[in-house]
């Protein structure tokens, strides 16, 4: 028997009990006015139970909706970060850097500078949506760019 059938069977049982009680009242076998307080209490408890179930269903729905929004936000940030890093790799590979004799014609320091993609900061601001490994990778990217910026400005990074 499915859950729906059990619910339907309960509802039919309640209706049958009500019909029997009304029939007994009309035939004079039972005086329902003596049971009025108990009946009202049972109806109130049943209404409270239904309200509780509705509230719990709403809480579950809200939690599921919030989880979906979080997953969508994480996916969006990860796609943006992936595209930004691909662009950064393309930019780095397109730089005309000489690998040998630097002494004859050294490249400018600006040739080694790569701008930090803003998507890294966006990912950092949404760090609570990521797993521990993903968060650590985002933090490492921030540190690497901070080190590059410090080197370019003439400062020595603390981690070197």
C-alpha atoms as a PDB file:
ATOM      1  CA  UNK A   1       0.000   0.000   0.000  1.00  0.00           C
ATOM      2  CA  UNK A   2       1.416   3.368  -0.990  1.00  0.00           C
ATOM      3  CA  UNK A   3       1.613   6.435   1.182  1.00  0.00           C
ATOM      4  CA  UNK A   4      -1.211   8.059  -0.771  1.00  0.00           C
ATOM      5  CA  UNK A   5      -3.471   5.035  -0.207  1.00  0.00           C
ATOM      6  CA  UNK A   6      -2.776   5.110   3.538  1.00  0.00           C
ATOM      7  CA  UNK A   7      -3.722   8.799   3.680  1.00  0.00           C
ATOM      8  CA  UNK A   8      -6.909   8.128   1.757  1.00  0.00           C
ATOM      9  CA  UNK A   9      -7.767   5.230   4.072  1.00  0.00           C
ATOM     10  CA  UNK A  10      -7.291   7.468   7.154  1.00  0.00           C
ATOM     11  CA  UNK A  11      -9.548  10.155   5.676  1.00  0.00           C
ATOM     12  CA  UNK A  12     -12.229   7.554   4.874  1.00  0.00           C
ATOM     13  CA  UNK A  13     -12.006   6.210   8.440  1.00  0.00           C
ATOM     14  CA  UNK A  14     -12.502   9.687   9.902  1.00  0.00           C
ATOM     15  CA  UNK A  15     -15.488  10.352   7.632  1.00  0.00           C
ATOM     16  CA  UNK A  16     -17.004   6.961   8.507  1.00  0.00           C
ATOM     17  CA  UNK A  17     -16.631   7.651  12.253  1.00  0.00           C
ATOM     18  CA  UNK A  18     -18.293  11.043  11.829  1.00  0.00           C
ATOM     19  CA  UNK A  19     -21.187   9.537   9.864  1.00  0.00           C
ATOM     20  CA  UNK A  20     -21.702   6.830  12.503  1.00  0.00           C
ATOM     21  CA  UNK A  21     -21.617   9.391  15.342  1.00  0.00           C
ATOM     22  CA  UNK A  22     -24.124  11.636  13.563  1.00  0.00           C
ATOM     23  CA  UNK A  23     -26.377   8.629  12.867  1.00  0.00           C
ATOM     24  CA  UNK A  24     -26.226   7.559  16.513  1.00  0.00           C
ATOM     25  CA  UNK A  25     -27.037  11.121  17.617  1.00  0.00           C
ATOM     26  CA  UNK A  26     -30.029  11.313  15.295  1.00  0.00           C
ATOM     27  CA  UNK A  27     -31.387   7.949  16.468  1.00  0.00           C
ATOM     28  CA  UNK A  28     -31.067   9.039  20.099  1.00  0.00           C
ATOM     29  CA  UNK A  29     -28.594   6.280  21.032  1.00  0.00           C
ATOM     30  CA  UNK A  30     -25.849   8.780  21.967  1.00  0.00           C
ATOM     31  CA  UNK A  31     -26.054  12.347  23.192  1.00  0.00           C
ATOM     32  CA  UNK A  32     -23.115  14.077  21.430  1.00  0.00           C
ATOM     33  CA  UNK A  33     -23.562  17.262  23.451  1.00  0.00           C
ATOM     34  CA  UNK A  34     -21.827  15.463  26.351  1.00  0.00           C
ATOM     35  CA  UNK A  35     -18.829  14.785  24.077  1.00  0.00           C
ATOM     36  CA  UNK A  36     -18.623  18.282  22.631  1.00  0.00           C
ATOM     37  CA  UNK A  37     -15.505  19.367  24.584  1.00  0.00           C
ATOM     38  CA  UNK A  38     -13.588  16.206  23.715  1.00  0.00           C
ATOM     39  CA  UNK A  39     -14.616  16.432  20.071  1.00  0.00           C
ATOM     40  CA  UNK A  40     -13.531  20.087  19.852  1.00  0.00           C
ATOM     41  CA  UNK A  41     -10.189  19.226  21.473  1.00  0.00           C
ATOM     42  CA  UNK A  42      -9.546  16.394  19.014  1.00  0.00           C
ATOM     43  CA  UNK A  43     -10.445  18.624  16.072  1.00  0.00           C
ATOM     44  CA  UNK A  44      -8.097  21.342  17.396  1.00  0.00           C
ATOM     45  CA  UNK A  45      -5.253  18.813  17.803  1.00  0.00           C
ATOM     46  CA  UNK A  46      -5.813  17.536  14.274  1.00  0.00           C
ATOM     47  CA  UNK A  47      -5.774  21.106  12.916  1.00  0.00           C
ATOM     48  CA  UNK A  48      -2.550  21.802  14.824  1.00  0.00           C
ATOM     49  CA  UNK A  49      -1.021  18.638  13.361  1.00  0.00           C
ATOM     50  CA  UNK A  50      -1.959  19.727   9.839  1.00  0.00           C
ATOM     51  CA  UNK A  51      -0.512  23.209  10.443  1.00  0.00           C
ATOM     52  CA  UNK A  52       2.726  21.678  11.764  1.00  0.00           C
ATOM     53  CA  UNK A  53       3.081  19.444   8.710  1.00  0.00           C
ATOM     54  CA  UNK A  54       2.459  22.387   6.393  1.00  0.00           C
ATOM     55  CA  UNK A  55       5.059  24.495   8.213  1.00  0.00           C
ATOM     56  CA  UNK A  56       7.635  21.671   8.055  1.00  0.00           C
ATOM     57  CA  UNK A  57       6.965  21.206   4.336  1.00  0.00           C
ATOM     58  CA  UNK A  58       7.567  24.945   3.832  1.00  0.00           C
ATOM     59  CA  UNK A  59      10.832  24.789   5.796  1.00  0.00           C
ATOM     60  CA  UNK A  60      12.003  21.832   3.703  1.00  0.00           C
ATOM     61  CA  UNK A  61      11.029  23.607   0.485  1.00  0.00           C
ATOM     62  CA  UNK A  62      12.885  26.777   1.537  1.00  0.00           C
ATOM     63  CA  UNK A  63      15.998  24.782   2.432  1.00  0.00           C
ATOM     64  CA  UNK A  64      15.935  22.996  -0.929  1.00  0.00           C
ATOM     65  CA  UNK A  65      15.436  26.287  -2.757  1.00  0.00           C
ATOM     66  CA  UNK A  66      18.324  27.918  -0.894  1.00  0.00           C
ATOM     67  CA  UNK A  67      20.564  24.954  -1.710  1.00  0.00           C
ATOM     68  CA  UNK A  68      19.687  25.239  -5.404  1.00  0.00           C
ATOM     69  CA  UNK A  69      20.508  28.957  -5.379  1.00  0.00           C
ATOM     70  CA  UNK A  70      23.838  28.246  -3.669  1.00  0.00           C
ATOM     71  CA  UNK A  71      24.711  25.553  -6.210  1.00  0.00           C
ATOM     72  CA  UNK A  72      23.828  27.873  -9.094  1.00  0.00           C
ATOM     73  CA  UNK A  73      25.922  30.685  -7.588  1.00  0.00           C
ATOM     74  CA  UNK A  74      28.885  28.340  -7.099  1.00  0.00           C
ATOM     75  CA  UNK A  75      28.579  27.044 -10.652  1.00  0.00           C
ATOM     76  CA  UNK A  76      28.420  30.584 -12.025  1.00  0.00           C
ATOM     77  CA  UNK A  77      31.490  31.700 -10.069  1.00  0.00           C
ATOM     78  CA  UNK A  78      33.441  28.576 -11.055  1.00  0.00           C
ATOM     79  CA  UNK A  79      32.654  29.052 -14.756  1.00  0.00           C
ATOM     80  CA  UNK A  80      33.658  32.721 -14.604  1.00  0.00           C
ATOM     81  CA  UNK A  81      36.869  31.848 -12.761  1.00  0.00           C
ATOM     82  CA  UNK A  82      37.694  29.081 -15.221  1.00  0.00           C
ATOM     83  CA  UNK A  83      37.209  31.403 -18.195  1.00  0.00           C
ATOM     84  CA  UNK A  84      39.273  34.151 -16.537  1.00  0.00           C
ATOM     85  CA  UNK A  85      42.132  31.755 -15.831  1.00  0.00           C
ATOM     86  CA  UNK A  86      42.044  30.437 -19.409  1.00  0.00           C
ATOM     87  CA  UNK A  87      42.274  34.039 -20.602  1.00  0.00           C
ATOM     88  CA  UNK A  88      45.163  34.644 -18.202  1.00  0.00           C
ATOM     89  CA  UNK A  89      47.010  31.591 -19.518  1.00  0.00           C
ATOM     90  CA  UNK A  90      46.490  32.772 -23.116  1.00  0.00           C
ATOM     91  CA  UNK A  91      47.761  36.222 -22.177  1.00  0.00           C
ATOM     92  CA  UNK A  92      50.816  34.807 -20.400  1.00  0.00           C
ATOM     93  CA  UNK A  93      51.647  32.543 -23.339  1.00  0.00           C
ATOM     94  CA  UNK A  94      51.326  35.425 -25.794  1.00  0.00           C
ATOM     95  CA  UNK A  95      54.016  37.518 -24.073  1.00  0.00           C
ATOM     96  CA  UNK A  96      57.175  37.712 -26.165  1.00  0.00           C
ATOM     97  CA  UNK A  97      59.673  36.798 -23.477  1.00  0.00           C
ATOM     98  CA  UNK A  98      63.187  35.803 -24.366  1.00  0.00           C
ATOM     99  CA  UNK A  99      64.472  32.837 -22.454  1.00  0.00           C
ATOM    100  CA  UNK A 100      68.136  33.378 -23.186  1.00  0.00           C
ATOM    101  CA  UNK A 101      70.619  35.984 -23.191  1.00  0.00           C
ATOM    102  CA  UNK A 102      68.974  38.378 -20.803  1.00  0.00           C
ATOM    103  CA  UNK A 103      72.191  40.228 -20.303  1.00  0.00           C
ATOM    104  CA  UNK A 104      72.279  41.531 -23.883  1.00  0.00           C
ATOM    105  CA  UNK A 105      68.688  42.655 -24.110  1.00  0.00           C
ATOM    106  CA  UNK A 106      66.803  42.204 -20.805  1.00  0.00           C
ATOM    107  CA  UNK A 107      62.985  42.335 -20.959  1.00  0.00           C
ATOM    108  CA  UNK A 108      61.109  45.036 -19.128  1.00  0.00           C
ATOM    109  CA  UNK A 109      59.743  44.128 -15.749  1.00  0.00           C
ATOM    110  CA  UNK A 110      56.232  44.931 -17.022  1.00  0.00           C
ATOM    111  CA  UNK A 111      56.535  41.973 -19.402  1.00  0.00           C
ATOM    112  CA  UNK A 112      56.331  39.668 -16.369  1.00  0.00           C
ATOM    113  CA  UNK A 113      53.306  41.331 -14.765  1.00  0.00           C
ATOM    114  CA  UNK A 114      49.902  39.744 -15.137  1.00  0.00           C
ATOM    115  CA  UNK A 115      46.849  41.561 -13.860  1.00  0.00           C
ATOM    116  CA  UNK A 116      44.847  39.751 -11.226  1.00  0.00           C
ATOM    117  CA  UNK A 117      41.504  38.651 -12.679  1.00  0.00           C
ATOM    118  CA  UNK A 118      38.599  40.169 -10.702  1.00  0.00           C
ATOM    119  CA  UNK A 119      36.920  36.747 -10.766  1.00  0.00           C
ATOM    120  CA  UNK A 120      39.401  35.580  -8.123  1.00  0.00           C
ATOM    121  CA  UNK A 121      38.056  38.193  -5.703  1.00  0.00           C
ATOM    122  CA  UNK A 122      34.472  37.285  -6.646  1.00  0.00           C
ATOM    123  CA  UNK A 123      35.259  33.650  -5.839  1.00  0.00           C
ATOM    124  CA  UNK A 124      36.921  34.741  -2.587  1.00  0.00           C
ATOM    125  CA  UNK A 125      33.825  36.713  -1.589  1.00  0.00           C
ATOM    126  CA  UNK A 126      31.729  33.552  -2.134  1.00  0.00           C
ATOM    127  CA  UNK A 127      34.222  31.226  -0.427  1.00  0.00           C
ATOM    128  CA  UNK A 128      31.584  29.696   1.868  1.00  0.00           C
ATOM    129  CA  UNK A 129      29.994  27.993  -1.154  1.00  0.00           C
ATOM    130  CA  UNK A 130      33.126  25.973  -1.974  1.00  0.00           C
ATOM    131  CA  UNK A 131      34.635  22.790  -0.614  1.00  0.00           C
ATOM    132  CA  UNK A 132      37.820  22.965   1.456  1.00  0.00           C
ATOM    133  CA  UNK A 133      40.021  21.987  -1.510  1.00  0.00           C
ATOM    134  CA  UNK A 134      38.410  24.552  -3.808  1.00  0.00           C
ATOM    135  CA  UNK A 135      38.704  27.258  -1.144  1.00  0.00           C
ATOM    136  CA  UNK A 136      42.384  26.427  -0.643  1.00  0.00           C
ATOM    137  CA  UNK A 137      43.015  26.692  -4.399  1.00  0.00           C
ATOM    138  CA  UNK A 138      41.303  30.092  -4.516  1.00  0.00           C
ATOM    139  CA  UNK A 139      43.353  31.270  -1.528  1.00  0.00           C
ATOM    140  CA  UNK A 140      46.585  30.101  -3.216  1.00  0.00           C
ATOM    141  CA  UNK A 141      45.698  32.076  -6.351  1.00  0.00           C
ATOM    142  CA  UNK A 142      45.182  35.192  -4.249  1.00  0.00           C
ATOM    143  CA  UNK A 143      48.525  34.677  -2.519  1.00  0.00           C
ATOM    144  CA  UNK A 144      50.366  34.105  -5.814  1.00  0.00           C
ATOM    145  CA  UNK A 145      48.996  37.285  -7.314  1.00  0.00           C
ATOM    146  CA  UNK A 146      49.788  39.210  -4.121  1.00  0.00           C
ATOM    147  CA  UNK A 147      53.370  37.903  -4.350  1.00  0.00           C
ATOM    148  CA  UNK A 148      53.611  38.922  -8.024  1.00  0.00           C
ATOM    149  CA  UNK A 149      52.274  42.379  -7.239  1.00  0.00           C
ATOM    150  CA  UNK A 150      54.733  42.736  -4.346  1.00  0.00           C
ATOM    151  CA  UNK A 151      57.660  41.703  -6.570  1.00  0.00           C
ATOM    152  CA  UNK A 152      56.599  44.149  -9.252  1.00  0.00           C
ATOM    153  CA  UNK A 153      56.385  46.993  -6.736  1.00  0.00           C
ATOM    154  CA  UNK A 154      59.904  46.207  -5.492  1.00  0.00           C
ATOM    155  CA  UNK A 155      58.910  44.567  -2.230  1.00  0.00           C
ATOM    156  CA  UNK A 156      59.925  41.062  -1.272  1.00  0.00           C
ATOM    157  CA  UNK A 157      56.928  38.856  -0.468  1.00  0.00           C
ATOM    158  CA  UNK A 158      56.882  37.414   3.032  1.00  0.00           C
ATOM    159  CA  UNK A 159      56.561  33.844   1.753  1.00  0.00           C
ATOM    160  CA  UNK A 160      59.819  33.936  -0.252  1.00  0.00           C
END
